[in-house]
Amino acid sequence: MQAQAGLVVMARWPGAGRCKRRLATDMAEQLDLSSSRERSARLQRQLCCHTLNVAREEQNRGRISPVLAVSGLGPRAAHRWGDQQGIRRVRRQGDGCLGTLLKRQLLQELRWRRPTLVVGTDMPDLSHQDLHGALTQLERCDLVLGPALDGGYWLIGFSRRLMRRPQCWPLIGIPWGGASVCRRTLEAAQRGGWSTAMLQHRGDIDHLADLKPWLG
C-alpha cells in the first residue's frame, strides 16, 4: 500500500568541520577550534538521529515514505548512512541555493502524486504531532509552513494539488538565508492564488545561543 505522504529529510553529514559551522564558530570562543568542531558535529549527529527516528517510525506505520537527502557524502557513503538509519530511499542534495535544492528534491517526488513535506535536522523537539499537524492542514490548503524564529522555516509542505504544478511552486525570487525567507515564501504562494497555513513558531539550532532552551 502506498504511503499517505512523502517526507524529504534534508541532512548534512555530521563530520567535524563539515557541519554546524556557525555553531562551531560560537563554541570556538570558549573552546579550542578542534574541540568546538567535534562538539558541534556530535550535536549534529544527535539532531540527525532524532529527526530520522521520527521519520523511520512514521515509515514503519505506513503513514509516510521518507527520503534522506544528503549533502557532504558521495553516493555510496550516503546510501550506507541511509541503510544504517533504516531509511530505504536516499538521494544526494546536489549543489545550489536552498530553493534549488528544495525544487530538485520535490521534482523527484512528483511521480507519487501525494502531499509532500520537507524538513531539516535542526529541530530537537520535532515530533510525530508536527508531521500529522502539517498533513492535516494540507487536507484543506495548498502550502503549509513551520516558521522559525530566525525568519526561515523548519518545515514546508505541498498539497497534492500544488505538487502537480511545479511551475507554481513559491521557490523563486526568495532571499535564501535572510530573515524574510518564510514571509516572502508565504507572499509568493498567496500571489499565486494558493491557500496557506502556518504551524507554530519554533527555534532551530544554528548558534550557541539557540541551545539555551535545551540546556536548562
N, C-alpha and C. Protein backbone atom coordinates (compact mmCIF):
# COMPACT_ATOMS: atom_id res chain seq x y z
N MET A 1 0.85 -1.20 0.00
CA MET A 1 0.00 0.00 0.00
C MET A 1 0.88 1.24 0.00
N GLN A 2 0.57 2.23 -0.85
CA GLN A 2 1.35 3.45 -0.93
C GLN A 2 1.13 4.29 0.31
N ALA A 3 2.23 4.88 0.81
CA ALA A 3 2.14 5.75 1.97
C ALA A 3 1.27 6.97 1.66
N GLN A 4 0.69 7.55 2.70
CA GLN A 4 -0.21 8.69 2.53
C GLN A 4 0.50 9.94 2.05
N ALA A 5 1.78 10.08 2.39
CA ALA A 5 2.50 11.31 2.07
C ALA A 5 3.99 11.02 1.95
N GLY A 6 4.69 11.96 1.32
CA GLY A 6 6.14 11.87 1.24
C GLY A 6 6.78 12.80 2.26
N LEU A 7 7.99 12.48 2.66
CA LEU A 7 8.75 13.31 3.59
C LEU A 7 10.20 13.33 3.13
N VAL A 8 10.71 14.51 2.83
CA VAL A 8 12.12 14.68 2.47
C VAL A 8 12.85 15.25 3.67
N VAL A 9 13.85 14.53 4.15
CA VAL A 9 14.69 14.99 5.26
C VAL A 9 16.00 15.50 4.67
N MET A 10 16.23 16.81 4.76
CA MET A 10 17.44 17.43 4.25
C MET A 10 18.49 17.37 5.35
N ALA A 11 19.56 16.61 5.12
CA ALA A 11 20.54 16.37 6.18
C ALA A 11 21.97 16.50 5.66
N ARG A 12 22.80 17.17 6.45
CA ARG A 12 24.23 17.25 6.16
C ARG A 12 24.95 16.19 6.99
N TRP A 13 25.89 15.50 6.37
CA TRP A 13 26.68 14.50 7.08
C TRP A 13 27.37 15.15 8.28
N PRO A 14 27.23 14.57 9.47
CA PRO A 14 27.76 15.20 10.69
C PRO A 14 29.24 14.92 10.91
N GLY A 15 30.06 15.42 10.02
CA GLY A 15 31.51 15.29 10.16
C GLY A 15 32.11 16.54 10.77
N ALA A 16 33.10 16.39 11.63
CA ALA A 16 33.74 17.53 12.28
C ALA A 16 34.31 18.49 11.23
N GLY A 17 33.96 19.76 11.36
CA GLY A 17 34.42 20.75 10.41
C GLY A 17 33.62 20.81 9.13
N ARG A 18 32.61 19.94 8.99
CA ARG A 18 31.83 19.87 7.75
C ARG A 18 30.35 20.18 7.99
N CYS A 19 30.00 20.54 9.20
CA CYS A 19 28.61 20.85 9.53
C CYS A 19 28.58 21.82 10.70
N LYS A 20 27.45 22.47 10.90
CA LYS A 20 27.25 23.37 12.03
C LYS A 20 28.41 24.34 12.20
N ARG A 21 28.83 24.97 11.12
CA ARG A 21 30.00 25.84 11.19
C ARG A 21 29.74 27.09 12.04
N ARG A 22 28.52 27.63 11.96
CA ARG A 22 28.22 28.81 12.78
C ARG A 22 28.24 28.46 14.26
N LEU A 23 27.70 27.28 14.60
CA LEU A 23 27.74 26.83 15.98
C LEU A 23 29.17 26.58 16.43
N ALA A 24 29.98 25.97 15.56
CA ALA A 24 31.38 25.71 15.90
C ALA A 24 32.15 27.00 16.11
N THR A 25 31.84 28.02 15.31
CA THR A 25 32.50 29.31 15.47
C THR A 25 32.16 29.92 16.83
N ASP A 26 30.89 29.83 17.22
CA ASP A 26 30.48 30.32 18.54
C ASP A 26 31.21 29.57 19.64
N MET A 27 31.27 28.25 19.50
CA MET A 27 31.92 27.43 20.52
C MET A 27 33.42 27.70 20.61
N ALA A 28 34.02 28.07 19.47
CA ALA A 28 35.47 28.30 19.44
C ALA A 28 35.89 29.46 20.33
N GLU A 29 34.95 30.34 20.66
CA GLU A 29 35.26 31.44 21.57
C GLU A 29 35.46 30.95 23.00
N GLN A 30 34.95 29.74 23.30
CA GLN A 30 35.07 29.19 24.65
C GLN A 30 35.99 27.98 24.69
N LEU A 31 36.20 27.32 23.53
CA LEU A 31 36.99 26.09 23.46
C LEU A 31 38.05 26.25 22.37
N ASP A 32 38.96 25.31 22.28
CA ASP A 32 39.87 25.33 21.13
C ASP A 32 39.11 24.90 19.89
N LEU A 33 39.63 25.28 18.72
CA LEU A 33 38.89 25.10 17.47
C LEU A 33 38.56 23.64 17.19
N SER A 34 39.53 22.72 17.39
CA SER A 34 39.28 21.32 17.09
C SER A 34 38.20 20.75 17.99
N SER A 35 38.19 21.14 19.26
CA SER A 35 37.17 20.65 20.18
C SER A 35 35.79 21.19 19.81
N SER A 36 35.73 22.45 19.40
CA SER A 36 34.43 23.04 19.04
C SER A 36 33.86 22.36 17.80
N ARG A 37 34.71 22.02 16.85
CA ARG A 37 34.24 21.33 15.64
C ARG A 37 33.67 19.96 15.97
N GLU A 38 34.35 19.22 16.85
CA GLU A 38 33.88 17.90 17.22
C GLU A 38 32.58 17.98 18.01
N ARG A 39 32.48 18.94 18.92
CA ARG A 39 31.26 19.06 19.71
C ARG A 39 30.07 19.47 18.86
N SER A 40 30.28 20.37 17.91
CA SER A 40 29.17 20.76 17.03
C SER A 40 28.77 19.60 16.13
N ALA A 41 29.75 18.79 15.68
CA ALA A 41 29.43 17.61 14.86
C ALA A 41 28.66 16.58 15.68
N ARG A 42 29.03 16.43 16.96
CA ARG A 42 28.32 15.49 17.83
C ARG A 42 26.86 15.92 17.99
N LEU A 43 26.63 17.21 18.14
CA LEU A 43 25.27 17.71 18.24
C LEU A 43 24.51 17.46 16.93
N GLN A 44 25.19 17.68 15.81
CA GLN A 44 24.54 17.42 14.52
C GLN A 44 24.14 15.95 14.39
N ARG A 45 25.00 15.05 14.84
CA ARG A 45 24.65 13.62 14.80
C ARG A 45 23.40 13.33 15.62
N GLN A 46 23.32 13.94 16.80
CA GLN A 46 22.16 13.72 17.66
C GLN A 46 20.89 14.27 17.01
N LEU A 47 20.99 15.46 16.41
CA LEU A 47 19.83 16.05 15.75
C LEU A 47 19.38 15.20 14.56
N CYS A 48 20.35 14.74 13.77
CA CYS A 48 20.02 13.88 12.63
C CYS A 48 19.34 12.60 13.08
N CYS A 49 19.90 11.97 14.11
CA CYS A 49 19.33 10.71 14.60
C CYS A 49 17.91 10.91 15.10
N HIS A 50 17.67 12.02 15.80
CA HIS A 50 16.32 12.29 16.30
C HIS A 50 15.33 12.45 15.15
N THR A 51 15.70 13.28 14.17
CA THR A 51 14.80 13.52 13.03
C THR A 51 14.53 12.23 12.27
N LEU A 52 15.57 11.44 12.05
CA LEU A 52 15.40 10.20 11.29
C LEU A 52 14.66 9.14 12.09
N ASN A 53 14.76 9.18 13.41
CA ASN A 53 13.95 8.28 14.24
C ASN A 53 12.47 8.56 14.05
N VAL A 54 12.11 9.85 14.07
CA VAL A 54 10.71 10.24 13.85
C VAL A 54 10.26 9.77 12.46
N ALA A 55 11.10 10.02 11.44
CA ALA A 55 10.76 9.61 10.08
C ALA A 55 10.61 8.10 9.96
N ARG A 56 11.52 7.36 10.58
CA ARG A 56 11.51 5.90 10.47
C ARG A 56 10.26 5.32 11.14
N GLU A 57 9.88 5.84 12.28
CA GLU A 57 8.70 5.31 12.96
C GLU A 57 7.43 5.56 12.14
N GLU A 58 7.35 6.74 11.52
CA GLU A 58 6.20 7.01 10.66
C GLU A 58 6.23 6.14 9.39
N GLN A 59 7.42 5.85 8.91
CA GLN A 59 7.57 4.94 7.78
C GLN A 59 7.09 3.54 8.15
N ASN A 60 7.46 3.09 9.34
CA ASN A 60 7.06 1.75 9.77
C ASN A 60 5.56 1.63 9.96
N ARG A 61 4.91 2.74 10.26
CA ARG A 61 3.45 2.74 10.40
C ARG A 61 2.74 2.86 9.06
N GLY A 62 3.52 3.07 7.99
CA GLY A 62 2.93 3.19 6.66
C GLY A 62 2.32 4.54 6.37
N ARG A 63 2.59 5.53 7.22
CA ARG A 63 1.97 6.85 7.05
C ARG A 63 2.73 7.73 6.07
N ILE A 64 4.05 7.63 6.07
CA ILE A 64 4.85 8.44 5.17
C ILE A 64 5.90 7.56 4.49
N SER A 65 6.40 8.06 3.38
CA SER A 65 7.54 7.44 2.72
C SER A 65 8.67 8.45 2.75
N PRO A 66 9.65 8.29 3.65
CA PRO A 66 10.72 9.28 3.77
C PRO A 66 11.83 9.05 2.78
N VAL A 67 12.51 10.13 2.45
CA VAL A 67 13.74 10.06 1.67
C VAL A 67 14.78 10.89 2.41
N LEU A 68 15.98 10.36 2.52
CA LEU A 68 17.09 11.08 3.13
C LEU A 68 17.86 11.77 2.03
N ALA A 69 17.82 13.11 2.02
CA ALA A 69 18.54 13.90 1.02
C ALA A 69 19.82 14.41 1.67
N VAL A 70 20.96 13.90 1.22
CA VAL A 70 22.23 14.06 1.92
C VAL A 70 23.15 15.05 1.22
N SER A 71 23.84 15.85 2.01
CA SER A 71 24.97 16.63 1.49
C SER A 71 26.21 16.27 2.31
N GLY A 72 27.37 16.37 1.69
CA GLY A 72 28.62 16.09 2.39
C GLY A 72 29.13 14.68 2.27
N LEU A 73 28.44 13.84 1.48
CA LEU A 73 28.88 12.46 1.26
C LEU A 73 28.73 12.10 -0.21
N GLY A 74 29.56 11.16 -0.68
CA GLY A 74 29.39 10.61 -2.01
C GLY A 74 28.23 9.64 -2.05
N PRO A 75 27.84 9.17 -3.25
CA PRO A 75 26.66 8.31 -3.39
C PRO A 75 26.69 7.05 -2.54
N ARG A 76 27.80 6.31 -2.56
CA ARG A 76 27.85 5.05 -1.81
C ARG A 76 27.78 5.29 -0.31
N ALA A 77 28.54 6.28 0.16
CA ALA A 77 28.53 6.57 1.60
C ALA A 77 27.17 7.08 2.04
N ALA A 78 26.51 7.86 1.18
CA ALA A 78 25.17 8.36 1.51
C ALA A 78 24.19 7.21 1.67
N HIS A 79 24.25 6.23 0.77
CA HIS A 79 23.35 5.08 0.89
C HIS A 79 23.69 4.22 2.10
N ARG A 80 24.96 4.11 2.45
CA ARG A 80 25.31 3.38 3.67
C ARG A 80 24.72 4.06 4.90
N TRP A 81 24.78 5.37 4.91
CA TRP A 81 24.21 6.11 6.04
C TRP A 81 22.70 5.88 6.11
N GLY A 82 22.04 5.93 4.97
CA GLY A 82 20.61 5.66 4.96
C GLY A 82 20.28 4.27 5.46
N ASP A 83 21.06 3.26 5.03
CA ASP A 83 20.85 1.89 5.50
C ASP A 83 21.02 1.80 7.01
N GLN A 84 22.04 2.48 7.54
CA GLN A 84 22.27 2.46 8.98
C GLN A 84 21.11 3.08 9.74
N GLN A 85 20.46 4.06 9.13
CA GLN A 85 19.36 4.75 9.79
C GLN A 85 18.00 4.11 9.50
N GLY A 86 17.99 3.07 8.68
CA GLY A 86 16.73 2.40 8.37
C GLY A 86 15.85 3.16 7.39
N ILE A 87 16.44 4.04 6.60
CA ILE A 87 15.71 4.80 5.58
C ILE A 87 15.98 4.18 4.23
N ARG A 88 14.92 3.75 3.56
CA ARG A 88 15.09 2.98 2.33
C ARG A 88 15.48 3.83 1.13
N ARG A 89 14.99 5.06 1.06
CA ARG A 89 15.28 5.91 -0.09
C ARG A 89 16.30 6.98 0.30
N VAL A 90 17.36 7.08 -0.48
CA VAL A 90 18.44 8.02 -0.20
C VAL A 90 18.83 8.72 -1.50
N ARG A 91 19.00 10.03 -1.42
CA ARG A 91 19.48 10.81 -2.57
C ARG A 91 20.47 11.85 -2.08
N ARG A 92 21.30 12.33 -2.98
CA ARG A 92 22.16 13.45 -2.67
C ARG A 92 21.43 14.75 -2.96
N GLN A 93 21.78 15.79 -2.20
CA GLN A 93 21.13 17.08 -2.39
C GLN A 93 21.59 17.78 -3.66
N GLY A 94 22.88 17.65 -4.01
CA GLY A 94 23.43 18.38 -5.14
C GLY A 94 23.83 19.79 -4.73
N ASP A 95 24.08 20.62 -5.72
CA ASP A 95 24.57 21.98 -5.49
C ASP A 95 23.45 23.00 -5.67
N GLY A 96 23.71 24.21 -5.17
CA GLY A 96 22.76 25.31 -5.38
C GLY A 96 22.26 25.90 -4.08
N CYS A 97 21.47 26.97 -4.21
CA CYS A 97 20.86 27.61 -3.04
C CYS A 97 19.74 26.71 -2.51
N LEU A 98 19.20 27.09 -1.37
CA LEU A 98 18.16 26.26 -0.76
C LEU A 98 16.97 26.07 -1.69
N GLY A 99 16.58 27.13 -2.39
CA GLY A 99 15.45 26.99 -3.32
C GLY A 99 15.71 25.96 -4.39
N THR A 100 16.93 25.94 -4.92
CA THR A 100 17.29 24.95 -5.94
C THR A 100 17.29 23.55 -5.36
N LEU A 101 17.82 23.40 -4.14
CA LEU A 101 17.85 22.08 -3.50
C LEU A 101 16.44 21.56 -3.25
N LEU A 102 15.56 22.44 -2.77
CA LEU A 102 14.18 22.03 -2.50
C LEU A 102 13.49 21.60 -3.79
N LYS A 103 13.61 22.41 -4.82
CA LYS A 103 12.94 22.08 -6.08
C LYS A 103 13.45 20.76 -6.64
N ARG A 104 14.78 20.55 -6.57
CA ARG A 104 15.36 19.31 -7.09
C ARG A 104 14.76 18.10 -6.38
N GLN A 105 14.63 18.17 -5.05
CA GLN A 105 14.10 17.04 -4.30
C GLN A 105 12.60 16.85 -4.56
N LEU A 106 11.87 17.94 -4.62
CA LEU A 106 10.42 17.83 -4.83
C LEU A 106 10.09 17.29 -6.22
N LEU A 107 10.88 17.67 -7.22
CA LEU A 107 10.64 17.16 -8.56
C LEU A 107 10.75 15.65 -8.61
N GLN A 108 11.62 15.09 -7.80
CA GLN A 108 11.78 13.64 -7.78
C GLN A 108 10.64 12.94 -7.03
N GLU A 109 9.80 13.72 -6.36
CA GLU A 109 8.64 13.15 -5.68
C GLU A 109 7.36 13.25 -6.50
N LEU A 110 7.43 13.88 -7.66
CA LEU A 110 6.23 14.13 -8.46
C LEU A 110 5.49 12.85 -8.85
N ARG A 111 6.23 11.79 -9.10
CA ARG A 111 5.62 10.56 -9.61
C ARG A 111 4.58 9.99 -8.66
N TRP A 112 4.72 10.31 -7.36
CA TRP A 112 3.85 9.68 -6.37
C TRP A 112 2.49 10.36 -6.24
N ARG A 113 2.40 11.62 -6.72
CA ARG A 113 1.11 12.33 -6.70
C ARG A 113 0.49 12.34 -5.29
N ARG A 114 1.26 12.79 -4.33
CA ARG A 114 0.78 12.81 -2.95
C ARG A 114 1.34 14.05 -2.24
N PRO A 115 0.72 14.45 -1.12
CA PRO A 115 1.27 15.56 -0.34
C PRO A 115 2.71 15.24 0.09
N THR A 116 3.53 16.26 0.14
CA THR A 116 4.94 16.05 0.46
C THR A 116 5.43 17.13 1.42
N LEU A 117 6.13 16.69 2.46
CA LEU A 117 6.73 17.58 3.45
C LEU A 117 8.24 17.58 3.27
N VAL A 118 8.86 18.70 3.62
CA VAL A 118 10.33 18.79 3.67
C VAL A 118 10.71 19.36 5.02
N VAL A 119 11.64 18.70 5.70
CA VAL A 119 12.16 19.19 6.98
C VAL A 119 13.68 19.12 6.96
N GLY A 120 14.30 19.93 7.81
CA GLY A 120 15.72 19.83 8.04
C GLY A 120 15.98 18.99 9.28
N THR A 121 17.18 19.11 9.82
CA THR A 121 17.53 18.31 11.00
C THR A 121 17.99 19.21 12.15
N ASP A 122 17.42 20.41 12.24
CA ASP A 122 17.81 21.36 13.28
C ASP A 122 16.77 21.50 14.37
N MET A 123 15.83 20.57 14.45
CA MET A 123 14.72 20.69 15.40
C MET A 123 14.81 19.58 16.45
N PRO A 124 15.35 19.87 17.63
CA PRO A 124 15.47 18.83 18.66
C PRO A 124 14.15 18.36 19.22
N ASP A 125 13.07 19.12 19.00
CA ASP A 125 11.77 18.69 19.52
C ASP A 125 10.79 18.34 18.40
N LEU A 126 11.28 18.06 17.21
CA LEU A 126 10.39 17.60 16.14
C LEU A 126 9.68 16.33 16.60
N SER A 127 8.38 16.26 16.33
CA SER A 127 7.59 15.13 16.81
C SER A 127 6.65 14.62 15.73
N HIS A 128 6.05 13.47 16.02
CA HIS A 128 5.04 12.91 15.12
C HIS A 128 3.87 13.89 14.97
N GLN A 129 3.54 14.59 16.05
CA GLN A 129 2.43 15.53 16.01
C GLN A 129 2.69 16.66 15.01
N ASP A 130 3.95 17.06 14.89
CA ASP A 130 4.27 18.10 13.91
C ASP A 130 3.96 17.64 12.49
N LEU A 131 4.36 16.42 12.17
CA LEU A 131 4.10 15.89 10.83
C LEU A 131 2.61 15.69 10.60
N HIS A 132 1.93 15.15 11.61
CA HIS A 132 0.49 14.93 11.46
C HIS A 132 -0.25 16.25 11.31
N GLY A 133 0.17 17.27 12.10
CA GLY A 133 -0.47 18.57 12.01
C GLY A 133 -0.31 19.20 10.64
N ALA A 134 0.89 19.08 10.08
CA ALA A 134 1.14 19.63 8.75
C ALA A 134 0.29 18.92 7.70
N LEU A 135 0.21 17.61 7.78
CA LEU A 135 -0.57 16.85 6.79
C LEU A 135 -2.06 17.12 6.94
N THR A 136 -2.51 17.32 8.16
CA THR A 136 -3.92 17.68 8.37
C THR A 136 -4.22 19.01 7.71
N GLN A 137 -3.32 19.99 7.86
CA GLN A 137 -3.51 21.28 7.21
C GLN A 137 -3.55 21.14 5.70
N LEU A 138 -2.74 20.23 5.16
CA LEU A 138 -2.69 20.06 3.70
C LEU A 138 -3.93 19.39 3.13
N GLU A 139 -4.80 18.91 3.98
CA GLU A 139 -6.08 18.38 3.50
C GLU A 139 -7.02 19.50 3.09
N ARG A 140 -6.74 20.73 3.59
CA ARG A 140 -7.63 21.85 3.28
C ARG A 140 -6.91 23.09 2.75
N CYS A 141 -5.59 23.01 2.59
CA CYS A 141 -4.87 24.13 1.99
C CYS A 141 -3.75 23.59 1.12
N ASP A 142 -3.10 24.48 0.38
CA ASP A 142 -2.11 24.07 -0.61
C ASP A 142 -0.68 24.07 -0.08
N LEU A 143 -0.36 25.02 0.79
CA LEU A 143 1.00 25.17 1.28
C LEU A 143 0.97 25.34 2.79
N VAL A 144 1.83 24.63 3.49
CA VAL A 144 1.95 24.81 4.94
C VAL A 144 3.40 25.12 5.26
N LEU A 145 3.60 26.07 6.18
CA LEU A 145 4.94 26.47 6.60
C LEU A 145 5.04 26.38 8.12
N GLY A 146 6.18 25.87 8.59
CA GLY A 146 6.50 25.91 10.00
C GLY A 146 7.52 27.01 10.22
N PRO A 147 7.10 28.19 10.64
CA PRO A 147 8.02 29.33 10.72
C PRO A 147 9.04 29.18 11.84
N ALA A 148 10.28 29.53 11.53
CA ALA A 148 11.36 29.51 12.52
C ALA A 148 11.54 30.92 13.09
N LEU A 149 12.07 30.99 14.29
CA LEU A 149 12.24 32.27 14.96
C LEU A 149 13.22 33.18 14.23
N ASP A 150 14.11 32.62 13.42
CA ASP A 150 15.10 33.43 12.71
C ASP A 150 14.59 33.95 11.37
N GLY A 151 13.30 33.72 11.06
CA GLY A 151 12.72 34.21 9.82
C GLY A 151 12.67 33.19 8.70
N GLY A 152 13.29 32.04 8.91
CA GLY A 152 13.19 30.96 7.94
C GLY A 152 12.02 30.05 8.27
N TYR A 153 12.11 28.79 7.89
CA TYR A 153 11.07 27.85 8.28
C TYR A 153 11.70 26.48 8.55
N TRP A 154 11.08 25.76 9.48
CA TRP A 154 11.58 24.44 9.86
C TRP A 154 10.85 23.33 9.13
N LEU A 155 9.77 23.66 8.44
CA LEU A 155 9.00 22.70 7.65
C LEU A 155 8.31 23.44 6.53
N ILE A 156 8.28 22.83 5.35
CA ILE A 156 7.44 23.31 4.26
C ILE A 156 6.71 22.10 3.69
N GLY A 157 5.44 22.28 3.40
CA GLY A 157 4.63 21.17 2.90
C GLY A 157 3.79 21.59 1.70
N PHE A 158 3.71 20.71 0.72
CA PHE A 158 2.95 20.95 -0.51
C PHE A 158 1.79 19.96 -0.58
N SER A 159 0.62 20.47 -0.90
CA SER A 159 -0.54 19.60 -1.09
C SER A 159 -0.39 18.78 -2.36
N ARG A 160 -1.26 17.80 -2.52
CA ARG A 160 -1.28 17.01 -3.75
C ARG A 160 -1.51 17.92 -4.96
N ARG A 161 -2.40 18.89 -4.83
CA ARG A 161 -2.72 19.80 -5.93
C ARG A 161 -1.51 20.66 -6.31
N LEU A 162 -0.82 21.21 -5.31
CA LEU A 162 0.34 22.05 -5.59
C LEU A 162 1.51 21.23 -6.12
N MET A 163 1.65 20.00 -5.63
CA MET A 163 2.73 19.15 -6.14
C MET A 163 2.61 18.94 -7.64
N ARG A 164 1.40 18.95 -8.15
CA ARG A 164 1.19 18.72 -9.58
C ARG A 164 1.49 19.94 -10.43
N ARG A 165 1.84 21.08 -9.80
CA ARG A 165 2.08 22.33 -10.53
C ARG A 165 3.44 22.90 -10.18
N PRO A 166 4.52 22.22 -10.52
CA PRO A 166 5.86 22.70 -10.13
C PRO A 166 6.19 24.08 -10.65
N GLN A 167 5.57 24.48 -11.76
CA GLN A 167 5.82 25.82 -12.29
C GLN A 167 5.28 26.90 -11.36
N CYS A 168 4.44 26.51 -10.40
CA CYS A 168 3.84 27.46 -9.48
C CYS A 168 4.45 27.41 -8.07
N TRP A 169 5.42 26.57 -7.87
CA TRP A 169 6.00 26.46 -6.53
C TRP A 169 6.62 27.79 -6.09
N PRO A 170 6.37 28.23 -4.87
CA PRO A 170 6.87 29.52 -4.40
C PRO A 170 8.32 29.43 -3.93
N LEU A 171 9.21 29.11 -4.87
CA LEU A 171 10.62 28.91 -4.55
C LEU A 171 11.54 29.80 -5.38
N ILE A 172 10.95 30.72 -6.13
CA ILE A 172 11.73 31.61 -7.00
C ILE A 172 11.70 33.03 -6.42
N GLY A 173 12.86 33.70 -6.46
CA GLY A 173 12.93 35.08 -6.01
C GLY A 173 12.93 35.26 -4.50
N ILE A 174 13.24 34.19 -3.78
CA ILE A 174 13.29 34.25 -2.32
C ILE A 174 14.73 34.58 -1.88
N PRO A 175 14.93 35.51 -0.96
CA PRO A 175 16.29 35.83 -0.48
C PRO A 175 16.77 34.77 0.50
N TRP A 176 17.21 33.64 -0.01
CA TRP A 176 17.57 32.50 0.83
C TRP A 176 18.70 32.88 1.80
N GLY A 177 18.51 32.51 3.05
CA GLY A 177 19.50 32.80 4.08
C GLY A 177 19.20 34.08 4.83
N GLY A 178 18.22 34.86 4.38
CA GLY A 178 17.86 36.09 5.06
C GLY A 178 16.76 35.89 6.09
N ALA A 179 16.39 36.98 6.75
CA ALA A 179 15.40 36.91 7.82
C ALA A 179 13.96 36.99 7.31
N SER A 180 13.80 37.08 5.98
CA SER A 180 12.44 37.21 5.42
C SER A 180 12.04 36.00 4.58
N VAL A 181 12.77 34.89 4.71
CA VAL A 181 12.52 33.72 3.87
C VAL A 181 11.09 33.21 4.01
N CYS A 182 10.65 33.02 5.24
CA CYS A 182 9.30 32.49 5.46
C CYS A 182 8.24 33.46 4.95
N ARG A 183 8.38 34.73 5.31
CA ARG A 183 7.40 35.73 4.89
C ARG A 183 7.32 35.83 3.37
N ARG A 184 8.47 35.86 2.72
CA ARG A 184 8.48 36.01 1.27
C ARG A 184 7.92 34.76 0.58
N THR A 185 8.17 33.59 1.15
CA THR A 185 7.61 32.35 0.59
C THR A 185 6.09 32.37 0.72
N LEU A 186 5.61 32.80 1.86
CA LEU A 186 4.17 32.90 2.08
C LEU A 186 3.54 33.88 1.10
N GLU A 187 4.18 35.02 0.92
CA GLU A 187 3.65 36.03 0.00
C GLU A 187 3.64 35.52 -1.44
N ALA A 188 4.68 34.80 -1.83
CA ALA A 188 4.74 34.26 -3.19
C ALA A 188 3.61 33.28 -3.44
N ALA A 189 3.32 32.43 -2.45
CA ALA A 189 2.22 31.48 -2.58
C ALA A 189 0.89 32.19 -2.69
N GLN A 190 0.69 33.20 -1.87
CA GLN A 190 -0.57 33.92 -1.89
C GLN A 190 -0.77 34.70 -3.19
N ARG A 191 0.32 35.26 -3.74
CA ARG A 191 0.20 35.94 -5.04
C ARG A 191 -0.21 34.96 -6.14
N GLY A 192 0.22 33.71 -6.01
CA GLY A 192 -0.14 32.69 -6.99
C GLY A 192 -1.54 32.13 -6.80
N GLY A 193 -2.23 32.58 -5.76
CA GLY A 193 -3.60 32.13 -5.51
C GLY A 193 -3.69 30.82 -4.75
N TRP A 194 -2.60 30.42 -4.08
CA TRP A 194 -2.59 29.18 -3.33
C TRP A 194 -2.95 29.44 -1.86
N SER A 195 -3.80 28.61 -1.31
CA SER A 195 -4.17 28.77 0.10
C SER A 195 -3.02 28.29 0.98
N THR A 196 -2.88 28.93 2.14
CA THR A 196 -1.73 28.67 3.00
C THR A 196 -2.15 28.48 4.45
N ALA A 197 -1.26 27.85 5.21
CA ALA A 197 -1.46 27.68 6.65
C ALA A 197 -0.10 27.73 7.34
N MET A 198 -0.11 28.19 8.57
CA MET A 198 1.12 28.31 9.35
C MET A 198 1.04 27.42 10.57
N LEU A 199 2.16 26.76 10.87
CA LEU A 199 2.28 25.99 12.09
C LEU A 199 2.87 26.89 13.19
N GLN A 200 3.22 26.30 14.29
CA GLN A 200 3.76 27.05 15.42
C GLN A 200 5.17 27.57 15.12
N HIS A 201 5.45 28.80 15.58
CA HIS A 201 6.82 29.32 15.50
C HIS A 201 7.71 28.49 16.42
N ARG A 202 8.86 28.11 15.89
CA ARG A 202 9.80 27.30 16.67
C ARG A 202 11.21 27.78 16.45
N GLY A 203 12.09 27.46 17.38
CA GLY A 203 13.50 27.77 17.24
C GLY A 203 14.29 26.57 16.79
N ASP A 204 15.21 26.76 15.85
CA ASP A 204 16.09 25.67 15.45
C ASP A 204 17.50 25.97 15.98
N ILE A 205 18.43 25.09 15.71
CA ILE A 205 19.76 25.19 16.30
C ILE A 205 20.77 25.59 15.22
N ASP A 206 21.16 26.85 15.24
CA ASP A 206 22.20 27.34 14.33
C ASP A 206 23.38 27.94 15.10
N HIS A 207 23.07 28.61 16.21
CA HIS A 207 24.09 29.28 17.00
C HIS A 207 24.08 28.76 18.44
N LEU A 208 25.13 29.07 19.17
CA LEU A 208 25.24 28.61 20.55
C LEU A 208 24.08 29.10 21.40
N ALA A 209 23.65 30.33 21.16
CA ALA A 209 22.52 30.88 21.92
C ALA A 209 21.24 30.08 21.73
N ASP A 210 21.10 29.42 20.56
CA ASP A 210 19.90 28.63 20.28
C ASP A 210 19.79 27.41 21.18
N LEU A 211 20.89 27.03 21.81
CA LEU A 211 20.89 25.84 22.68
C LEU A 211 20.33 26.14 24.07
N LYS A 212 20.23 27.40 24.43
CA LYS A 212 19.86 27.74 25.80
C LYS A 212 18.54 27.11 26.25
N PRO A 213 17.48 27.09 25.42
CA PRO A 213 16.24 26.45 25.88
C PRO A 213 16.38 24.97 26.18
N TRP A 214 17.41 24.31 25.61
CA TRP A 214 17.56 22.88 25.76
C TRP A 214 18.58 22.51 26.82
N LEU A 215 19.25 23.52 27.40
CA LEU A 215 20.28 23.23 28.38
C LEU A 215 19.84 23.47 29.82
N GLY A 216 18.69 24.03 29.99
CA GLY A 216 18.28 24.32 31.35
C GLY A 216 16.82 24.14 31.59
